[in-house]
N, C-alpha and C. Protein backbone atom coordinates (compact mmCIF):
# COMPACT_ATOMS: atom_id res chain seq x y z
N MET A 1 47.58 30.41 -38.32
CA MET A 1 47.39 30.14 -39.14
C MET A 1 45.94 29.21 -39.42
N ASN A 2 45.79 29.39 -40.54
CA ASN A 2 44.48 29.30 -41.04
C ASN A 2 44.43 28.14 -41.70
N THR A 3 44.66 26.84 -42.06
CA THR A 3 44.86 25.90 -42.51
C THR A 3 44.14 24.34 -42.52
N VAL A 4 43.36 23.62 -43.25
CA VAL A 4 42.16 22.76 -43.40
C VAL A 4 42.92 21.63 -43.88
N SER A 5 42.46 20.55 -43.80
CA SER A 5 42.68 19.45 -44.77
C SER A 5 41.82 18.68 -44.51
N ILE A 6 41.17 17.64 -45.22
CA ILE A 6 39.61 17.14 -45.12
C ILE A 6 39.61 15.97 -46.15
N ILE A 7 39.33 14.45 -45.46
CA ILE A 7 38.64 13.93 -46.66
C ILE A 7 36.70 13.51 -46.45
N GLY A 8 35.98 13.60 -47.40
CA GLY A 8 34.97 13.51 -47.33
C GLY A 8 33.99 13.14 -48.76
N ASN A 9 32.86 12.98 -49.06
CA ASN A 9 32.31 13.02 -50.33
C ASN A 9 31.26 13.74 -50.62
N VAL A 10 31.34 14.12 -51.85
CA VAL A 10 30.17 15.12 -52.34
C VAL A 10 29.21 14.75 -52.36
N VAL A 11 28.01 15.57 -51.91
CA VAL A 11 26.50 15.26 -51.57
C VAL A 11 26.01 16.05 -52.10
N ARG A 12 26.20 17.01 -53.58
CA ARG A 12 25.12 16.98 -54.39
C ARG A 12 26.17 17.59 -55.68
N GLU A 13 25.68 18.14 -56.98
CA GLU A 13 26.07 18.40 -57.57
C GLU A 13 26.91 19.20 -57.87
N PRO A 14 28.13 19.67 -58.08
CA PRO A 14 28.88 20.97 -58.16
C PRO A 14 28.21 22.09 -58.92
N GLU A 15 28.43 23.18 -58.92
CA GLU A 15 28.05 24.75 -59.15
C GLU A 15 28.95 25.14 -59.44
N LEU A 16 28.97 25.29 -60.56
CA LEU A 16 29.92 26.25 -61.41
C LEU A 16 29.26 27.52 -61.94
N ARG A 17 30.03 28.64 -61.88
CA ARG A 17 29.37 30.08 -62.00
C ARG A 17 31.17 30.81 -62.02
N ALA A 18 30.95 31.97 -62.94
CA ALA A 18 31.96 32.83 -62.85
C ALA A 18 31.48 34.12 -62.25
N THR A 19 32.83 35.06 -61.83
CA THR A 19 32.51 36.08 -61.23
C THR A 19 32.13 36.95 -62.63
N THR A 20 32.35 38.27 -61.70
CA THR A 20 32.03 39.50 -63.00
C THR A 20 33.43 39.92 -63.82
N GLY A 21 34.80 39.39 -63.22
CA GLY A 21 35.72 39.57 -64.20
C GLY A 21 36.29 38.35 -64.60
N GLY A 22 35.11 37.36 -64.58
CA GLY A 22 35.58 35.99 -65.35
C GLY A 22 35.81 35.13 -64.55
N THR A 23 36.50 34.79 -63.78
CA THR A 23 37.03 33.85 -63.18
C THR A 23 36.11 32.52 -62.45
N SER A 24 36.40 31.39 -63.08
CA SER A 24 35.45 30.53 -62.41
C SER A 24 35.47 29.93 -61.09
N VAL A 25 34.28 30.09 -60.47
CA VAL A 25 33.61 29.62 -59.11
C VAL A 25 32.87 28.04 -58.95
N CYS A 26 33.62 27.38 -58.33
CA CYS A 26 32.96 25.96 -58.41
C CYS A 26 32.33 25.69 -56.50
N GLN A 27 31.25 25.75 -56.30
CA GLN A 27 30.27 25.56 -55.10
C GLN A 27 30.37 24.03 -55.16
N LEU A 28 30.48 23.00 -53.88
CA LEU A 28 29.90 22.09 -53.82
C LEU A 28 30.28 21.53 -52.08
N SER A 29 29.28 21.39 -52.24
CA SER A 29 29.28 20.24 -50.72
C SER A 29 29.71 19.17 -49.93
N ILE A 30 30.34 18.78 -49.38
CA ILE A 30 30.70 17.44 -48.82
C ILE A 30 30.37 16.92 -47.54
N ALA A 31 30.02 15.73 -47.15
CA ALA A 31 29.78 15.21 -45.63
C ALA A 31 31.42 14.42 -45.32
N VAL A 32 31.25 14.64 -44.02
CA VAL A 32 32.87 14.16 -43.61
C VAL A 32 31.91 13.44 -41.66
N ASN A 33 32.17 12.13 -42.35
CA ASN A 33 31.71 10.87 -41.33
C ASN A 33 32.99 11.20 -39.90
N GLU A 34 32.52 10.86 -38.97
CA GLU A 34 33.07 10.95 -37.62
C GLU A 34 32.37 9.82 -36.74
N ARG A 35 33.28 9.09 -35.97
CA ARG A 35 32.67 8.02 -35.56
C ARG A 35 32.65 8.04 -33.57
N ARG A 36 31.06 8.11 -33.59
CA ARG A 36 31.29 8.27 -31.72
C ARG A 36 31.56 7.22 -31.06
N LYS A 37 31.16 7.43 -29.66
CA LYS A 37 31.25 6.13 -28.60
C LYS A 37 30.28 5.37 -28.96
N GLY A 38 30.10 4.30 -29.02
CA GLY A 38 29.29 3.21 -29.37
C GLY A 38 28.61 3.05 -30.78
N GLY A 39 30.16 3.47 -31.65
CA GLY A 39 30.07 2.77 -33.15
C GLY A 39 28.96 3.63 -34.23
N GLU A 40 28.63 4.69 -33.33
CA GLU A 40 27.58 5.83 -34.15
C GLU A 40 28.42 6.63 -35.15
N GLU A 41 27.45 6.55 -36.08
CA GLU A 41 28.09 7.40 -36.88
C GLU A 41 27.64 9.16 -36.84
N TYR A 42 28.47 9.90 -37.37
CA TYR A 42 27.78 11.45 -37.48
C TYR A 42 28.62 12.10 -38.51
N ALA A 43 27.76 12.71 -39.44
CA ALA A 43 28.04 13.59 -40.75
C ALA A 43 28.18 14.87 -40.59
N SER A 44 29.14 15.58 -40.68
CA SER A 44 29.23 17.19 -40.77
C SER A 44 29.53 17.33 -41.79
N PHE A 45 28.60 18.27 -42.48
CA PHE A 45 28.51 18.73 -43.85
C PHE A 45 28.93 20.54 -44.22
N LEU A 46 29.92 20.12 -44.94
CA LEU A 46 30.64 21.51 -45.26
C LEU A 46 30.70 21.77 -46.63
N ASP A 47 30.23 23.25 -46.80
CA ASP A 47 30.42 23.97 -48.18
C ASP A 47 32.10 24.19 -48.49
N VAL A 48 32.31 24.27 -49.96
CA VAL A 48 33.75 24.37 -50.67
C VAL A 48 33.21 25.51 -51.55
N ASP A 49 34.31 26.09 -51.48
CA ASP A 49 34.51 27.26 -52.61
C ASP A 49 35.98 26.30 -53.32
N THR A 50 35.69 26.61 -54.91
CA THR A 50 37.26 26.35 -55.78
C THR A 50 37.25 27.80 -56.81
N PHE A 51 38.16 28.19 -56.89
CA PHE A 51 38.09 28.84 -58.03
C PHE A 51 39.15 28.66 -59.01
N GLY A 52 39.06 29.20 -60.42
CA GLY A 52 40.05 29.34 -61.46
C GLY A 52 39.74 27.59 -61.97
N THR A 53 41.55 27.42 -62.54
CA THR A 53 41.17 26.11 -63.15
C THR A 53 40.82 25.37 -62.51
N LEU A 54 41.41 25.13 -60.83
CA LEU A 54 40.72 24.33 -59.92
C LEU A 54 38.95 23.97 -60.18
N ALA A 55 38.56 25.46 -59.94
CA ALA A 55 37.01 25.26 -60.19
C ALA A 55 36.27 24.44 -61.65
N ASP A 56 37.13 24.84 -62.91
CA ASP A 56 36.83 24.14 -63.56
C ASP A 56 36.94 22.75 -63.34
N ASN A 57 37.91 22.41 -63.00
CA ASN A 57 38.02 20.98 -63.12
C ASN A 57 37.04 19.70 -62.23
N CYS A 58 36.77 20.74 -60.40
CA CYS A 58 35.76 20.10 -60.11
C CYS A 58 34.76 20.09 -61.33
N ALA A 59 33.93 21.04 -61.49
CA ALA A 59 33.10 21.31 -62.14
C ALA A 59 32.74 19.90 -63.45
N LEU A 60 34.31 19.76 -63.77
CA LEU A 60 33.89 18.62 -65.23
C LEU A 60 34.32 17.26 -64.42
N TYR A 61 34.43 17.06 -63.48
CA TYR A 61 34.82 15.61 -63.42
C TYR A 61 34.30 15.23 -61.44
N LEU A 62 33.58 16.13 -60.78
CA LEU A 62 32.97 15.65 -59.72
C LEU A 62 31.82 15.29 -59.46
N ALA A 63 31.07 14.66 -59.25
CA ALA A 63 29.94 14.68 -58.94
C ALA A 63 29.54 13.60 -57.61
N LYS A 64 27.85 14.23 -57.21
CA LYS A 64 27.57 13.20 -56.36
C LYS A 64 28.19 12.20 -55.84
N GLY A 65 28.26 11.61 -54.32
CA GLY A 65 28.89 10.70 -53.99
C GLY A 65 30.88 10.21 -54.16
N ARG A 66 31.31 11.35 -55.63
CA ARG A 66 32.60 10.68 -55.30
C ARG A 66 33.38 11.41 -54.40
N GLN A 67 34.16 10.62 -53.52
CA GLN A 67 35.23 10.92 -51.86
C GLN A 67 36.29 12.20 -52.71
N VAL A 68 36.66 13.14 -52.41
CA VAL A 68 37.77 14.18 -52.43
C VAL A 68 38.68 14.05 -51.16
N ALA A 69 39.84 14.81 -51.32
CA ALA A 69 40.47 15.07 -49.77
C ALA A 69 40.60 16.60 -50.67
N ILE A 70 41.02 17.53 -49.74
CA ILE A 70 40.72 18.72 -49.93
C ILE A 70 41.71 19.38 -49.23
N THR A 71 42.15 20.79 -49.22
CA THR A 71 43.38 21.43 -48.14
C THR A 71 43.23 22.56 -48.98
N GLY A 72 43.09 23.57 -47.39
CA GLY A 72 42.07 24.72 -47.89
C GLY A 72 42.27 25.86 -46.46
N ARG A 73 41.33 26.64 -46.81
CA ARG A 73 41.44 27.89 -45.63
C ARG A 73 39.99 27.63 -45.58
N LEU A 74 39.69 28.42 -43.72
CA LEU A 74 38.45 28.52 -43.58
C LEU A 74 38.43 30.16 -43.82
N ARG A 75 37.05 30.19 -43.81
CA ARG A 75 36.47 31.93 -44.03
C ARG A 75 35.09 31.53 -43.60
N GLN A 76 35.30 32.43 -43.00
CA GLN A 76 33.69 32.42 -42.00
C GLN A 76 33.17 33.87 -42.83
N GLU A 77 31.44 33.77 -43.54
CA GLU A 77 30.66 34.66 -44.11
C GLU A 77 29.69 35.35 -43.14
N ARG A 78 29.61 36.24 -42.74
CA ARG A 78 28.32 37.00 -42.20
C ARG A 78 27.07 37.59 -43.13
N TRP A 79 26.31 37.81 -42.44
CA TRP A 79 25.03 38.89 -43.27
C TRP A 79 24.23 38.63 -42.33
N GLU A 80 23.11 39.26 -42.78
CA GLU A 80 21.83 40.02 -42.05
C GLU A 80 20.66 39.49 -42.64
N LYS A 81 20.00 38.73 -41.56
CA LYS A 81 18.42 38.32 -42.33
C LYS A 81 17.13 38.45 -41.39
N ASN A 82 16.62 39.31 -41.93
CA ASN A 82 15.38 39.76 -41.35
C ASN A 82 15.65 40.63 -39.55
N GLY A 83 16.84 41.37 -39.76
CA GLY A 83 17.72 41.95 -38.08
C GLY A 83 18.36 40.50 -37.59
N GLU A 84 18.21 40.07 -38.37
CA GLU A 84 19.10 38.34 -37.09
C GLU A 84 20.55 38.57 -38.18
N LYS A 85 21.43 38.54 -37.23
CA LYS A 85 22.42 38.05 -37.89
C LYS A 85 23.07 36.79 -38.10
N ARG A 86 24.07 36.29 -39.05
CA ARG A 86 24.00 34.72 -39.46
C ARG A 86 25.36 34.53 -39.93
N SER A 87 25.65 33.40 -39.82
CA SER A 87 27.20 33.05 -40.08
C SER A 87 27.04 32.18 -40.56
N LYS A 88 28.20 31.66 -41.45
CA LYS A 88 28.30 30.02 -41.59
C LYS A 88 30.12 30.15 -42.09
N VAL A 89 30.50 29.21 -41.83
CA VAL A 89 32.17 29.00 -42.17
C VAL A 89 32.62 27.99 -43.43
N LYS A 90 32.92 28.32 -44.34
CA LYS A 90 32.90 27.75 -45.41
C LYS A 90 34.50 27.40 -45.83
N ILE A 91 34.68 26.18 -46.61
CA ILE A 91 36.14 25.63 -46.60
C ILE A 91 36.85 26.48 -48.05
N VAL A 92 38.11 27.18 -48.16
CA VAL A 92 38.49 27.96 -49.52
C VAL A 92 39.17 27.17 -50.01
N ALA A 93 39.14 26.27 -51.05
CA ALA A 93 39.94 24.95 -51.15
C ALA A 93 41.44 25.48 -52.29
N HIS A 94 42.05 25.27 -52.35
CA HIS A 94 43.84 25.63 -52.97
C HIS A 94 44.28 24.51 -53.48
N ASP A 95 43.57 23.03 -52.82
CA ASP A 95 43.66 22.07 -53.71
C ASP A 95 42.87 20.93 -53.20
N VAL A 96 42.53 20.28 -54.57
CA VAL A 96 41.06 18.99 -54.42
C VAL A 96 41.49 17.76 -55.08
N GLN A 97 42.48 16.14 -54.38
CA GLN A 97 42.36 15.91 -54.68
C GLN A 97 41.26 14.57 -55.38
N PHE A 98 41.00 14.27 -56.35
CA PHE A 98 39.61 13.44 -56.18
C PHE A 98 40.46 11.74 -56.19
N LEU A 99 39.55 11.08 -55.12
CA LEU A 99 39.87 9.90 -54.91
C LEU A 99 38.73 8.94 -55.43
N GLY A 100 38.82 7.60 -55.06
CA GLY A 100 38.25 6.75 -55.58
C GLY A 100 38.46 5.96 -57.16
N ALA A 101 37.13 5.55 -57.55
CA ALA A 101 37.58 4.85 -58.33
C ALA A 101 37.66 5.31 -59.80
N ARG A 102 38.93 4.85 -60.94
CA ARG A 102 39.07 5.82 -62.14
C ARG A 102 37.80 6.01 -63.22
N GLU A 103 37.03 5.00 -62.86
CA GLU A 103 35.52 4.71 -63.69
C GLU A 103 34.99 6.02 -64.39
N ASN A 104 34.73 6.52 -62.41
CA ASN A 104 33.94 7.75 -62.27
C ASN A 104 34.81 9.25 -62.28
N ALA A 105 35.90 8.88 -63.13
CA ALA A 105 37.34 10.47 -63.58
C ALA A 105 36.81 10.92 -65.04
N ALA A 106 35.70 9.89 -65.60
CA ALA A 106 35.58 10.20 -66.87
C ALA A 106 34.56 11.84 -66.67
N PRO A 107 34.73 13.33 -67.78
CA PRO A 107 33.79 14.19 -67.53
C PRO A 107 32.89 14.40 -68.15
N LYS A 108 31.95 14.59 -67.67
CA LYS A 108 30.41 14.73 -67.68
C LYS A 108 30.26 15.32 -69.07
N PRO A 109 29.91 14.91 -69.71
CA PRO A 109 29.68 15.56 -71.05
C PRO A 109 28.85 16.88 -71.01
N ASP A 110 27.60 16.98 -70.33
CA ASP A 110 27.33 18.44 -70.57
C ASP A 110 28.16 19.64 -69.74
N ALA A 111 29.22 19.12 -69.08
CA ALA A 111 29.89 20.07 -68.62
C ALA A 111 30.89 20.20 -69.30
N PHE A 112 31.80 19.01 -69.80
CA PHE A 112 32.50 19.60 -70.69
C PHE A 112 32.13 20.19 -71.85
N ASP A 113 31.07 20.80 -72.76
CA ASP A 113 30.41 21.18 -73.74
C ASP A 113 30.00 22.42 -73.43
N GLU A 114 29.46 22.95 -72.05
CA GLU A 114 29.32 23.88 -71.41
C GLU A 114 30.90 24.92 -71.21
N ALA A 115 31.92 23.87 -70.65
CA ALA A 115 33.26 24.61 -70.33
C ALA A 115 33.72 24.90 -71.97
N LYS A 116 33.65 24.09 -72.98
CA LYS A 116 34.34 24.20 -73.97
C LYS A 116 33.34 25.35 -74.80
N ALA A 117 32.24 25.80 -74.39
CA ALA A 117 31.61 26.76 -75.25
C ALA A 117 31.89 28.46 -74.33
N PHE A 118 32.38 28.08 -73.13
CA PHE A 118 32.79 29.18 -72.77
C PHE A 118 34.08 29.20 -72.58
N VAL A 119 35.21 28.65 -72.83
CA VAL A 119 36.74 28.98 -73.08
C VAL A 119 36.60 28.97 -74.68
N GLY A 120 36.32 28.49 -75.39
CA GLY A 120 35.81 28.56 -77.21
C GLY A 120 36.63 27.46 -77.82
N GLU A 121 36.57 27.20 -78.95
CA GLU A 121 36.73 26.33 -79.67
C GLU A 121 38.63 26.37 -79.78
N ALA A 122 39.09 25.18 -79.87
CA ALA A 122 40.62 25.52 -79.91
C ALA A 122 41.06 25.33 -81.68
N ASP A 123 42.34 26.22 -81.86
CA ASP A 123 41.81 26.20 -83.32
C ASP A 123 43.81 25.99 -83.33
N ASP A 124 44.19 25.12 -84.45
CA ASP A 124 45.62 25.00 -84.76
C ASP A 124 46.45 25.87 -84.90
N THR A 125 45.60 26.92 -85.08
CA THR A 125 47.00 28.32 -85.90
C THR A 125 47.66 28.56 -84.64
N ASP A 126 46.68 28.54 -83.58
CA ASP A 126 47.04 29.21 -81.82
C ASP A 126 48.26 28.23 -81.44
N ILE A 127 48.62 27.36 -82.03
CA ILE A 127 49.97 26.66 -81.59
C ILE A 127 51.22 27.36 -82.29
N PRO A 128 52.26 27.38 -81.10
CA PRO A 128 53.54 28.42 -81.59
C PRO A 128 54.51 27.60 -82.13
N PHE A 129 53.85 25.98 -82.66
CA PHE A 129 55.41 25.17 -82.53
C PHE A 129 54.54 24.31 -84.12
């Protein structure tokens, strides 16, 4: 079974891209704090990939510092650089819950305009009723 659930804070602005097939992909990084003996805190930094509508929503509503709850699976990426084998474990999210204050939940104007341009303007003639 490959399932992970984690709560953390976004540490950099989410990056929205599209695959060659047109599927939205949003990459973000989160920090998860852990308390150790003596009250010392330690942060782990994790990369997260989201796809489709979830990716669009993450790009619109998430910003650095926002707390999120993520459920997904782990995926290990492997590559070779300068003859040296490397790997990295990422979370592929299938659910992202936006936590924290509602005032931070407004869409970012520039991201909204970019998403609207990507999807196109809405037309009332497209509504079937």
